[in-house]
């Protein structure tokens, strides 16, 4: 969960639980900027492992 994401998009993602960035990008109300933030977080999490 990214603190900069809108409440609406966080709620939608929690309901739908996408398994890929492509699925998340298709959720109505989720902006391209939010998808970019998620991608950066995933890359950082992968690098930390």
C-alpha atoms as a PDB file:
ATOM      1  CA  UNK A   1       0.000   0.000   0.000  1.00  0.00           C
ATOM      2  CA  UNK A   2       1.504   3.273  -1.146  1.00  0.00           C
ATOM      3  CA  UNK A   3       0.627   6.324   1.013  1.00  0.00           C
ATOM      4  CA  UNK A   4       0.390   8.576  -2.065  1.00  0.00           C
ATOM      5  CA  UNK A   5      -2.380   6.559  -3.684  1.00  0.00           C
ATOM      6  CA  UNK A   6      -5.898   7.900  -3.552  1.00  0.00           C
ATOM      7  CA  UNK A   7      -8.287   6.299  -1.117  1.00  0.00           C
ATOM      8  CA  UNK A   8     -10.568   5.318  -4.002  1.00  0.00           C
ATOM      9  CA  UNK A   9      -7.860   3.415  -5.868  1.00  0.00           C
ATOM     10  CA  UNK A  10      -6.655   1.712  -2.697  1.00  0.00           C
ATOM     11  CA  UNK A  11     -10.203   0.565  -1.992  1.00  0.00           C
ATOM     12  CA  UNK A  12     -10.640  -0.736  -5.548  1.00  0.00           C
ATOM     13  CA  UNK A  13      -7.318  -2.609  -5.439  1.00  0.00           C
ATOM     14  CA  UNK A  14      -8.231  -4.180  -2.102  1.00  0.00           C
ATOM     15  CA  UNK A  15     -11.555  -5.386  -3.531  1.00  0.00           C
ATOM     16  CA  UNK A  16     -10.143  -6.686  -6.822  1.00  0.00           C
ATOM     17  CA  UNK A  17      -6.670  -7.845  -5.680  1.00  0.00           C
ATOM     18  CA  UNK A  18      -4.881  -7.700  -9.056  1.00  0.00           C
ATOM     19  CA  UNK A  19      -2.001 -10.130  -9.535  1.00  0.00           C
ATOM     20  CA  UNK A  20      -0.191  -8.151 -12.248  1.00  0.00           C
ATOM     21  CA  UNK A  21       0.514  -4.507 -13.020  1.00  0.00           C
ATOM     22  CA  UNK A  22      -1.526  -4.924 -16.200  1.00  0.00           C
ATOM     23  CA  UNK A  23      -4.574  -5.937 -14.204  1.00  0.00           C
ATOM     24  CA  UNK A  24      -4.036  -3.065 -11.778  1.00  0.00           C
ATOM     25  CA  UNK A  25      -3.752  -0.610 -14.679  1.00  0.00           C
ATOM     26  CA  UNK A  26      -7.184  -1.664 -15.943  1.00  0.00           C
ATOM     27  CA  UNK A  27      -8.922  -0.828 -12.659  1.00  0.00           C
ATOM     28  CA  UNK A  28     -11.103   2.223 -13.143  1.00  0.00           C
ATOM     29  CA  UNK A  29      -9.796   5.154 -11.107  1.00  0.00           C
ATOM     30  CA  UNK A  30      -6.198   3.919 -10.863  1.00  0.00           C
ATOM     31  CA  UNK A  31      -3.934   6.433 -12.576  1.00  0.00           C
ATOM     32  CA  UNK A  32      -0.781   5.738 -14.592  1.00  0.00           C
ATOM     33  CA  UNK A  33       1.188   7.580 -11.907  1.00  0.00           C
ATOM     34  CA  UNK A  34      -0.080   5.148  -9.268  1.00  0.00           C
ATOM     35  CA  UNK A  35       0.907   2.198 -11.458  1.00  0.00           C
ATOM     36  CA  UNK A  36       4.398   3.698 -11.754  1.00  0.00           C
ATOM     37  CA  UNK A  37       4.642   4.030  -7.976  1.00  0.00           C
ATOM     38  CA  UNK A  38       3.613   0.397  -7.533  1.00  0.00           C
ATOM     39  CA  UNK A  39       6.207  -0.688 -10.117  1.00  0.00           C
ATOM     40  CA  UNK A  40       8.967   1.205  -8.286  1.00  0.00           C
ATOM     41  CA  UNK A  41       7.931  -0.322  -4.955  1.00  0.00           C
ATOM     42  CA  UNK A  42       7.973  -3.818  -6.469  1.00  0.00           C
ATOM     43  CA  UNK A  43      11.431  -3.269  -7.957  1.00  0.00           C
ATOM     44  CA  UNK A  44      12.774  -2.020  -4.626  1.00  0.00           C
ATOM     45  CA  UNK A  45      11.220  -4.963  -2.785  1.00  0.00           C
ATOM     46  CA  UNK A  46      12.767  -7.376  -5.300  1.00  0.00           C
ATOM     47  CA  UNK A  47      16.194  -5.763  -4.965  1.00  0.00           C
ATOM     48  CA  UNK A  48      16.043  -6.001  -1.170  1.00  0.00           C
ATOM     49  CA  UNK A  49      15.625  -9.778  -1.252  1.00  0.00           C
END
